[in-house]
Amino acid sequence: MRLDDPVPELSLHGAALRALAAMDLTSLGETDTPERIRNLCRSALTPYGAPAAICVYPEHIEGARRVLDDEQLSQVRIATVVNFPEGAEDPLRVKRETQRAVAAGADEVDVVMPYRALQRGALEVVQAVLDAARAASAGRCLKVIIESGELGDEDSIRRASLLAIEAGADFIKTSTGKVPVNATLEAAEIMLSAISDCGGSCGFKAAGGIRTVEDARQYLAMADRLLGIGWATPERLRFGASGLLQDVLAVLSGSESSDSGGY
């Protein structure tokens, strides 16, 4: 299929299956407890398949892995966050946090770009932080959070996307979910277009505000349109979400999906 061919309409059921397989089932609350994380991991065991990953704070990595192994979900990857959520500008901090995450057993690392440095034009700071994360991740999947809602304008979002891709990011990710504006379709189009312009080898993760299958379907349809049918597999597209799972299961079990909603 060529990129200029019409994209077939994606059914709600088909979107639900794809969203489940592409989900980073996430809990990044300040009051997370081991029991909450255990329950999160157990929820990954569904009749329709499992999510791509569980995303938790570094201190919960080991506990999450034990539960996933106990539930015969060893194929589910464990993602964690570093330099989160503020996007600090110290590459040594990022190096230490990333090394500790890897040592604890993280399969994937989501690092926050120092987006404020980008906004004031200090590109050397951005480069140093991203280089530190890439080196310390020791070959693990690296997702760079650009905080698109804080960057705001198209030029800044595109610049951040290109810097992350050039630094070796495996994914570029919209948001931390901790700011007023998180994932939007407008930001996603800019980021996916940047990925396309760079050859399509970098993945995309939308996070923050994706709560229904209808929400996910719009992102999947956009990826299909901009990068072609077959690109948006879990190796190239992810959704960072927790509430989305409930709606996915409702759709797949034959219940009616809720309307598209906010965070």
C-alpha atoms as a PDB file:
ATOM      1  CA  MET A   1       0.000   0.000   0.000  1.00  0.00           C
ATOM      2  CA  ARG A   2       1.335   3.429  -0.991  1.00  0.00           C
ATOM      3  CA  LEU A   3       1.039   6.386   1.367  1.00  0.00           C
ATOM      4  CA  ASP A   4      -1.215   8.180  -1.122  1.00  0.00           C
ATOM      5  CA  ASP A   5      -3.694   5.276  -1.287  1.00  0.00           C
ATOM      6  CA  PRO A   6      -6.980   5.710   0.610  1.00  0.00           C
ATOM      7  CA  VAL A   7      -6.765   4.395   4.182  1.00  0.00           C
ATOM      8  CA  PRO A   8      -9.540   1.899   5.021  1.00  0.00           C
ATOM      9  CA  GLU A   9     -11.793   2.966   7.866  1.00  0.00           C
ATOM     10  CA  LEU A  10     -10.753   1.375  11.143  1.00  0.00           C
ATOM     11  CA  SER A  11     -13.571  -0.320  13.035  1.00  0.00           C
ATOM     12  CA  LEU A  12     -14.034   0.313  16.738  1.00  0.00           C
ATOM     13  CA  HIS A  13     -13.381  -3.361  17.475  1.00  0.00           C
ATOM     14  CA  GLY A  14     -10.223  -3.335  15.374  1.00  0.00           C
ATOM     15  CA  ALA A  15      -9.058  -0.150  17.076  1.00  0.00           C
ATOM     16  CA  ALA A  16      -9.665  -1.723  20.484  1.00  0.00           C
ATOM     17  CA  LEU A  17      -7.512  -4.749  19.660  1.00  0.00           C
ATOM     18  CA  ARG A  18      -4.717  -2.564  18.309  1.00  0.00           C
ATOM     19  CA  ALA A  19      -4.921  -0.177  21.259  1.00  0.00           C
ATOM     20  CA  LEU A  20      -4.667  -3.014  23.768  1.00  0.00           C
ATOM     21  CA  ALA A  21      -1.577  -4.459  22.094  1.00  0.00           C
ATOM     22  CA  ALA A  22       0.015  -0.986  21.935  1.00  0.00           C
ATOM     23  CA  MET A  23      -0.793   0.128  25.471  1.00  0.00           C
ATOM     24  CA  ASP A  24       1.772   1.095  28.094  1.00  0.00           C
ATOM     25  CA  LEU A  25      -0.520   0.427  31.050  1.00  0.00           C
ATOM     26  CA  THR A  26       0.538   3.205  33.383  1.00  0.00           C
ATOM     27  CA  SER A  27       0.490   4.211  37.023  1.00  0.00           C
ATOM     28  CA  LEU A  28       2.655   7.189  37.911  1.00  0.00           C
ATOM     29  CA  GLY A  29       0.881   8.546  40.967  1.00  0.00           C
ATOM     30  CA  GLU A  30       2.674  10.065  43.935  1.00  0.00           C
ATOM     31  CA  THR A  31       0.670   7.788  46.235  1.00  0.00           C
ATOM     32  CA  ASP A  32       1.281   4.545  44.339  1.00  0.00           C
ATOM     33  CA  THR A  33       1.695   1.576  46.653  1.00  0.00           C
ATOM     34  CA  PRO A  34       3.023  -1.939  46.015  1.00  0.00           C
ATOM     35  CA  GLU A  35      -0.548  -3.241  46.182  1.00  0.00           C
ATOM     36  CA  ARG A  36      -1.730  -0.733  43.577  1.00  0.00           C
ATOM     37  CA  ILE A  37       1.081  -1.775  41.262  1.00  0.00           C
ATOM     38  CA  ARG A  38       0.300  -5.458  41.821  1.00  0.00           C
ATOM     39  CA  ASN A  39      -3.311  -4.818  40.826  1.00  0.00           C
ATOM     40  CA  LEU A  40      -2.179  -2.855  37.775  1.00  0.00           C
ATOM     41  CA  CYS A  41       0.007  -5.744  36.655  1.00  0.00           C
ATOM     42  CA  ARG A  42      -2.763  -8.302  37.200  1.00  0.00           C
ATOM     43  CA  SER A  43      -5.118  -6.201  35.085  1.00  0.00           C
ATOM     44  CA  ALA A  44      -2.778  -6.815  32.137  1.00  0.00           C
ATOM     45  CA  LEU A  45      -4.087 -10.388  31.997  1.00  0.00           C
ATOM     46  CA  THR A  46      -7.148 -10.069  29.738  1.00  0.00           C
ATOM     47  CA  PRO A  47      -9.108 -12.531  27.556  1.00  0.00           C
ATOM     48  CA  TYR A  48      -8.058 -10.532  24.475  1.00  0.00           C
ATOM     49  CA  GLY A  49      -4.315 -10.331  24.928  1.00  0.00           C
ATOM     50  CA  ALA A  50      -1.892  -8.255  26.949  1.00  0.00           C
ATOM     51  CA  PRO A  51      -0.596  -4.688  26.706  1.00  0.00           C
ATOM     52  CA  ALA A  52       2.867  -3.962  25.385  1.00  0.00           C
ATOM     53  CA  ALA A  53       4.227  -2.722  28.701  1.00  0.00           C
ATOM     54  CA  ILE A  54       3.576  -1.680  32.269  1.00  0.00           C
ATOM     55  CA  CYS A  55       4.899   1.803  33.077  1.00  0.00           C
ATOM     56  CA  VAL A  56       5.708   2.536  36.734  1.00  0.00           C
ATOM     57  CA  TYR A  57       8.114   4.560  38.828  1.00  0.00           C
ATOM     58  CA  PRO A  58      11.577   2.977  39.225  1.00  0.00           C
ATOM     59  CA  GLU A  59      10.973   1.871  42.812  1.00  0.00           C
ATOM     60  CA  HIS A  60       8.165  -0.419  41.602  1.00  0.00           C
ATOM     61  CA  ILE A  61      10.069  -2.158  38.799  1.00  0.00           C
ATOM     62  CA  GLU A  62      11.141  -5.241  40.749  1.00  0.00           C
ATOM     63  CA  GLY A  63       7.721  -5.779  42.292  1.00  0.00           C
ATOM     64  CA  ALA A  64       6.030  -5.382  38.921  1.00  0.00           C
ATOM     65  CA  ARG A  65       8.298  -7.964  37.336  1.00  0.00           C
ATOM     66  CA  ARG A  66       7.540 -10.505  40.057  1.00  0.00           C
ATOM     67  CA  VAL A  67       3.792 -10.141  39.521  1.00  0.00           C
ATOM     68  CA  LEU A  68       4.063 -10.306  35.735  1.00  0.00           C
ATOM     69  CA  ASP A  69       6.149 -13.455  35.957  1.00  0.00           C
ATOM     70  CA  ASP A  70       3.711 -15.005  38.444  1.00  0.00           C
ATOM     71  CA  GLU A  71       0.803 -14.225  36.104  1.00  0.00           C
ATOM     72  CA  GLN A  72       2.671 -15.727  33.125  1.00  0.00           C
ATOM     73  CA  LEU A  73       2.980 -12.290  31.551  1.00  0.00           C
ATOM     74  CA  SER A  74       6.738 -12.280  31.163  1.00  0.00           C
ATOM     75  CA  GLN A  75       6.305 -10.981  27.596  1.00  0.00           C
ATOM     76  CA  VAL A  76       4.949  -7.690  28.973  1.00  0.00           C
ATOM     77  CA  ARG A  77       7.772  -5.198  29.134  1.00  0.00           C
ATOM     78  CA  ILE A  78       8.432  -2.884  32.060  1.00  0.00           C
ATOM     79  CA  ALA A  79       8.843   0.796  31.310  1.00  0.00           C
ATOM     80  CA  THR A  80       9.839   3.479  33.762  1.00  0.00           C
ATOM     81  CA  VAL A  81      10.470   7.223  33.804  1.00  0.00           C
ATOM     82  CA  VAL A  82      13.540   9.349  34.464  1.00  0.00           C
ATOM     83  CA  ASN A  83      14.035  13.098  34.731  1.00  0.00           C
ATOM     84  CA  PHE A  84      10.322  13.026  35.455  1.00  0.00           C
ATOM     85  CA  PRO A  85       8.192  15.037  35.315  1.00  0.00           C
ATOM     86  CA  GLU A  86      10.008  18.361  35.398  1.00  0.00           C
ATOM     87  CA  GLY A  87      12.534  17.796  32.625  1.00  0.00           C
ATOM     88  CA  ALA A  88      15.593  18.971  34.553  1.00  0.00           C
ATOM     89  CA  GLU A  89      18.752  20.042  32.773  1.00  0.00           C
ATOM     90  CA  ASP A  90      21.462  18.037  34.565  1.00  0.00           C
ATOM     91  CA  PRO A  91      22.860  15.267  32.324  1.00  0.00           C
ATOM     92  CA  LEU A  92      24.631  13.643  35.285  1.00  0.00           C
ATOM     93  CA  ARG A  93      21.307  13.263  37.086  1.00  0.00           C
ATOM     94  CA  VAL A  94      19.784  11.744  33.980  1.00  0.00           C
ATOM     95  CA  LYS A  95      22.714   9.369  33.622  1.00  0.00           C
ATOM     96  CA  ARG A  96      22.420   8.187  37.241  1.00  0.00           C
ATOM     97  CA  GLU A  97      18.639   7.777  37.119  1.00  0.00           C
ATOM     98  CA  THR A  98      18.807   5.870  33.850  1.00  0.00           C
ATOM     99  CA  GLN A  99      21.553   3.577  35.078  1.00  0.00           C
ATOM    100  CA  ARG A 100      19.563   2.789  38.223  1.00  0.00           C
ATOM    101  CA  ALA A 101      16.434   2.089  36.190  1.00  0.00           C
ATOM    102  CA  VAL A 102      18.325  -0.317  33.954  1.00  0.00           C
ATOM    103  CA  ALA A 103      19.939  -2.006  36.966  1.00  0.00           C
ATOM    104  CA  ALA A 104      16.488  -2.450  38.539  1.00  0.00           C
ATOM    105  CA  GLY A 105      15.296  -4.296  35.448  1.00  0.00           C
ATOM    106  CA  ALA A 106      13.603  -1.706  33.228  1.00  0.00           C
ATOM    107  CA  ASP A 107      13.133  -2.839  29.639  1.00  0.00           C
ATOM    108  CA  GLU A 108      12.187   0.649  28.467  1.00  0.00           C
ATOM    109  CA  VAL A 109      13.061   4.129  29.719  1.00  0.00           C
ATOM    110  CA  ASP A 110      10.905   7.229  29.172  1.00  0.00           C
ATOM    111  CA  VAL A 111      13.050  10.336  29.697  1.00  0.00           C
ATOM    112  CA  VAL A 112      11.737  13.888  29.824  1.00  0.00           C
ATOM    113  CA  MET A 113      13.527  16.257  27.480  1.00  0.00           C
ATOM    114  CA  PRO A 114      14.628  19.512  29.144  1.00  0.00           C
ATOM    115  CA  TYR A 115      11.987  21.335  27.156  1.00  0.00           C
ATOM    116  CA  ARG A 116      12.486  24.673  28.890  1.00  0.00           C
ATOM    117  CA  ALA A 117      16.083  24.687  27.660  1.00  0.00           C
ATOM    118  CA  LEU A 118      14.742  24.094  24.165  1.00  0.00           C
ATOM    119  CA  GLN A 119      12.352  27.008  24.550  1.00  0.00           C
ATOM    120  CA  ARG A 120      15.171  29.411  25.379  1.00  0.00           C
ATOM    121  CA  GLY A 121      17.403  28.059  22.612  1.00  0.00           C
ATOM    122  CA  ALA A 122      19.927  26.173  24.784  1.00  0.00           C
ATOM    123  CA  LEU A 123      20.152  23.259  22.385  1.00  0.00           C
ATOM    124  CA  GLU A 124      23.468  22.095  23.832  1.00  0.00           C
ATOM    125  CA  VAL A 125      21.684  21.387  27.140  1.00  0.00           C
ATOM    126  CA  VAL A 126      19.017  19.361  25.367  1.00  0.00           C
ATOM    127  CA  GLN A 127      21.664  17.430  23.457  1.00  0.00           C
ATOM    128  CA  ALA A 128      23.690  16.668  26.590  1.00  0.00           C
ATOM    129  CA  VAL A 129      20.673  15.297  28.471  1.00  0.00           C
ATOM    130  CA  LEU A 130      19.515  13.161  25.558  1.00  0.00           C
ATOM    131  CA  ASP A 131      23.027  11.852  24.930  1.00  0.00           C
ATOM    132  CA  ALA A 132      23.342  10.917  28.613  1.00  0.00           C
ATOM    133  CA  ALA A 133      20.054   9.024  28.548  1.00  0.00           C
ATOM    134  CA  ARG A 134      20.895   7.236  25.315  1.00  0.00           C
ATOM    135  CA  ALA A 135      24.310   6.124  26.582  1.00  0.00           C
ATOM    136  CA  ALA A 136      23.074   5.060  30.025  1.00  0.00           C
ATOM    137  CA  SER A 137      20.069   3.149  28.695  1.00  0.00           C
ATOM    138  CA  ALA A 138      22.446   0.389  27.601  1.00  0.00           C
ATOM    139  CA  GLY A 139      20.497  -0.547  24.507  1.00  0.00           C
ATOM    140  CA  ARG A 140      17.061  -0.475  26.135  1.00  0.00           C
ATOM    141  CA  CYS A 141      14.166   1.109  24.308  1.00  0.00           C
ATOM    142  CA  LEU A 142      14.408   4.867  24.910  1.00  0.00           C
ATOM    143  CA  LYS A 143      11.332   7.086  24.669  1.00  0.00           C
ATOM    144  CA  VAL A 144      11.884  10.850  24.776  1.00  0.00           C
ATOM    145  CA  ILE A 145       9.035  12.887  26.250  1.00  0.00           C
ATOM    146  CA  ILE A 146       9.010  16.284  24.562  1.00  0.00           C
ATOM    147  CA  GLU A 147       6.092  17.753  26.605  1.00  0.00           C
ATOM    148  CA  SER A 148       4.308  18.999  23.499  1.00  0.00           C
ATOM    149  CA  GLY A 149       1.594  20.799  25.441  1.00  0.00           C
ATOM    150  CA  GLU A 150       4.170  23.043  27.100  1.00  0.00           C
ATOM    151  CA  LEU A 151       6.065  23.674  23.871  1.00  0.00           C
ATOM    152  CA  GLY A 152       2.802  24.732  22.268  1.00  0.00           C
ATOM    153  CA  ASP A 153       3.680  25.905  18.780  1.00  0.00           C
ATOM    154  CA  GLU A 154       4.306  23.780  15.700  1.00  0.00           C
ATOM    155  CA  ASP A 155       7.907  24.869  15.150  1.00  0.00           C
ATOM    156  CA  SER A 156       8.919  23.990  18.724  1.00  0.00           C
ATOM    157  CA  ILE A 157       7.199  20.599  18.642  1.00  0.00           C
ATOM    158  CA  ARG A 158       8.851  19.735  15.345  1.00  0.00           C
ATOM    159  CA  ARG A 159      12.258  20.933  16.549  1.00  0.00           C
ATOM    160  CA  ALA A 160      11.990  18.861  19.726  1.00  0.00           C
ATOM    161  CA  SER A 161      10.915  15.822  17.727  1.00  0.00           C
ATOM    162  CA  LEU A 162      13.826  16.095  15.319  1.00  0.00           C
ATOM    163  CA  LEU A 163      16.358  16.619  18.123  1.00  0.00           C
ATOM    164  CA  ALA A 164      15.114  13.505  19.893  1.00  0.00           C
ATOM    165  CA  ILE A 165      15.192  11.427  16.726  1.00  0.00           C
ATOM    166  CA  GLU A 166      18.696  12.633  15.894  1.00  0.00           C
ATOM    167  CA  ALA A 167      19.815  11.722  19.426  1.00  0.00           C
ATOM    168  CA  GLY A 168      18.757   8.115  18.863  1.00  0.00           C
ATOM    169  CA  ALA A 169      15.315   7.982  20.472  1.00  0.00           C
ATOM    170  CA  ASP A 170      13.386   4.806  19.765  1.00  0.00           C
ATOM    171  CA  PHE A 171      10.124   6.689  20.387  1.00  0.00           C
ATOM    172  CA  ILE A 172       9.115  10.291  20.754  1.00  0.00           C
ATOM    173  CA  LYS A 173       6.355  10.764  23.311  1.00  0.00           C
ATOM    174  CA  THR A 174       3.937  13.639  23.638  1.00  0.00           C
ATOM    175  CA  SER A 175       3.616  14.199  27.345  1.00  0.00           C
ATOM    176  CA  THR A 176       4.195  13.347  30.973  1.00  0.00           C
ATOM    177  CA  GLY A 177       0.488  13.540  31.757  1.00  0.00           C
ATOM    178  CA  LYS A 178       1.387  15.995  34.526  1.00  0.00           C
ATOM    179  CA  VAL A 179       0.740  19.296  32.737  1.00  0.00           C
ATOM    180  CA  PRO A 180      -2.505  21.039  31.710  1.00  0.00           C
ATOM    181  CA  VAL A 181      -2.258  20.069  28.009  1.00  0.00           C
ATOM    182  CA  ASN A 182      -1.055  16.563  27.220  1.00  0.00           C
ATOM    183  CA  ALA A 183      -1.569  14.466  24.074  1.00  0.00           C
ATOM    184  CA  THR A 184      -3.457  16.181  21.262  1.00  0.00           C
ATOM    185  CA  LEU A 185      -4.094  15.155  17.677  1.00  0.00           C
ATOM    186  CA  GLU A 186      -2.543  18.408  16.512  1.00  0.00           C
ATOM    187  CA  ALA A 187       0.759  17.644  18.257  1.00  0.00           C
ATOM    188  CA  ALA A 188       0.607  14.036  17.113  1.00  0.00           C
ATOM    189  CA  GLU A 189       0.377  15.075  13.472  1.00  0.00           C
ATOM    190  CA  ILE A 190       3.454  17.266  13.795  1.00  0.00           C
ATOM    191  CA  MET A 191       5.403  14.504  15.535  1.00  0.00           C
ATOM    192  CA  LEU A 192       4.312  11.752  13.149  1.00  0.00           C
ATOM    193  CA  SER A 193       5.184  13.960  10.193  1.00  0.00           C
ATOM    194  CA  ALA A 194       8.663  14.500  11.641  1.00  0.00           C
ATOM    195  CA  ILE A 195       9.031  10.739  12.055  1.00  0.00           C
ATOM    196  CA  SER A 196       7.946  10.227   8.451  1.00  0.00           C
ATOM    197  CA  ASP A 197      10.400  12.849   7.223  1.00  0.00           C
ATOM    198  CA  CYS A 198      13.187  10.978   9.040  1.00  0.00           C
ATOM    199  CA  GLY A 199      12.382   7.659   7.408  1.00  0.00           C
ATOM    200  CA  GLY A 200       9.819   6.219   9.815  1.00  0.00           C
ATOM    201  CA  SER A 201      12.261   4.292  11.980  1.00  0.00           C
ATOM    202  CA  CYS A 202      11.398   6.133  15.215  1.00  0.00           C
ATOM    203  CA  GLY A 203       8.201   5.272  17.058  1.00  0.00           C
ATOM    204  CA  PHE A 204       5.501   7.510  18.545  1.00  0.00           C
ATOM    205  CA  LYS A 205       3.811   7.405  21.951  1.00  0.00           C
ATOM    206  CA  ALA A 206       0.742   9.423  22.876  1.00  0.00           C
ATOM    207  CA  ALA A 207       0.231   9.885  26.605  1.00  0.00           C
ATOM    208  CA  GLY A 208      -2.192  11.841  28.755  1.00  0.00           C
ATOM    209  CA  GLY A 209      -5.870  12.204  27.957  1.00  0.00           C
ATOM    210  CA  ILE A 210      -6.467   9.031  25.938  1.00  0.00           C
ATOM    211  CA  ARG A 211      -9.317   7.335  27.775  1.00  0.00           C
ATOM    212  CA  THR A 212     -11.530   5.741  25.134  1.00  0.00           C
ATOM    213  CA  VAL A 213     -11.187   3.507  22.112  1.00  0.00           C
ATOM    214  CA  GLU A 214     -12.534   6.340  19.984  1.00  0.00           C
ATOM    215  CA  ASP A 215      -9.645   8.511  21.189  1.00  0.00           C
ATOM    216  CA  ALA A 216      -7.159   5.771  20.289  1.00  0.00           C
ATOM    217  CA  ARG A 217      -8.804   5.135  16.931  1.00  0.00           C
ATOM    218  CA  GLN A 218      -8.144   8.702  15.832  1.00  0.00           C
ATOM    219  CA  TYR A 219      -4.416   8.368  16.585  1.00  0.00           C
ATOM    220  CA  LEU A 220      -4.220   4.986  14.872  1.00  0.00           C
ATOM    221  CA  ALA A 221      -5.992   6.328  11.790  1.00  0.00           C
ATOM    222  CA  MET A 222      -3.606   9.271  11.662  1.00  0.00           C
ATOM    223  CA  ALA A 223      -0.574   6.990  11.881  1.00  0.00           C
ATOM    224  CA  ASP A 224      -2.001   4.784   9.124  1.00  0.00           C
ATOM    225  CA  ARG A 225      -2.532   7.836   6.930  1.00  0.00           C
ATOM    226  CA  LEU A 226       0.844   9.467   7.505  1.00  0.00           C
ATOM    227  CA  LEU A 227       3.097   6.410   7.701  1.00  0.00           C
ATOM    228  CA  GLY A 228       1.140   3.693   5.963  1.00  0.00           C
ATOM    229  CA  ILE A 229      -0.826   0.611   6.937  1.00  0.00           C
ATOM    230  CA  GLY A 230       1.404  -1.749   8.884  1.00  0.00           C
ATOM    231  CA  TRP A 231       3.669   0.896  10.438  1.00  0.00           C
ATOM    232  CA  ALA A 232       1.745   1.398  13.677  1.00  0.00           C
ATOM    233  CA  THR A 233       2.556  -1.888  15.394  1.00  0.00           C
ATOM    234  CA  PRO A 234       3.425  -1.946  19.132  1.00  0.00           C
ATOM    235  CA  GLU A 235       7.071  -1.698  18.082  1.00  0.00           C
ATOM    236  CA  ARG A 236       6.318   1.740  16.601  1.00  0.00           C
ATOM    237  CA  LEU A 237       3.210   3.134  18.311  1.00  0.00           C
ATOM    238  CA  ARG A 238       2.203   3.173  21.977  1.00  0.00           C
ATOM    239  CA  PHE A 239      -0.472   4.679  24.170  1.00  0.00           C
ATOM    240  CA  GLY A 240       0.456   5.698  27.702  1.00  0.00           C
ATOM    241  CA  ALA A 241      -2.778   5.207  29.608  1.00  0.00           C
ATOM    242  CA  SER A 242      -4.579   3.534  32.479  1.00  0.00           C
ATOM    243  CA  GLY A 243      -8.267   4.359  32.048  1.00  0.00           C
ATOM    244  CA  LEU A 244      -8.148   3.304  28.380  1.00  0.00           C
ATOM    245  CA  LEU A 245      -8.012  -0.361  29.360  1.00  0.00           C
ATOM    246  CA  GLN A 246     -11.518  -0.282  30.827  1.00  0.00           C
ATOM    247  CA  ASP A 247     -13.006   1.081  27.607  1.00  0.00           C
ATOM    248  CA  VAL A 248     -11.012  -1.353  25.466  1.00  0.00           C
ATOM    249  CA  LEU A 249     -12.409  -4.276  27.445  1.00  0.00           C
ATOM    250  CA  ALA A 250     -15.930  -2.857  27.199  1.00  0.00           C
ATOM    251  CA  VAL A 251     -15.686  -2.677  23.415  1.00  0.00           C
ATOM    252  CA  LEU A 252     -14.146  -6.121  23.035  1.00  0.00           C
ATOM    253  CA  SER A 253     -16.725  -7.726  25.319  1.00  0.00           C
ATOM    254  CA  GLY A 254     -19.592  -6.221  23.327  1.00  0.00           C
ATOM    255  CA  SER A 255     -20.513  -3.397  25.672  1.00  0.00           C
ATOM    256  CA  GLU A 256     -20.903   0.089  24.254  1.00  0.00           C
ATOM    257  CA  SER A 257     -17.853   2.336  24.274  1.00  0.00           C
ATOM    258  CA  SER A 258     -18.063   5.599  26.148  1.00  0.00           C
ATOM    259  CA  ASP A 259     -17.790   8.861  24.271  1.00  0.00           C
ATOM    260  CA  SER A 260     -14.350  10.343  23.718  1.00  0.00           C
ATOM    261  CA  GLY A 261     -13.332  12.157  26.874  1.00  0.00           C
ATOM    262  CA  GLY A 262     -10.567  14.069  28.572  1.00  0.00           C
ATOM    263  CA  TYR A 263      -7.751  13.064  30.895  1.00  0.00           C
END
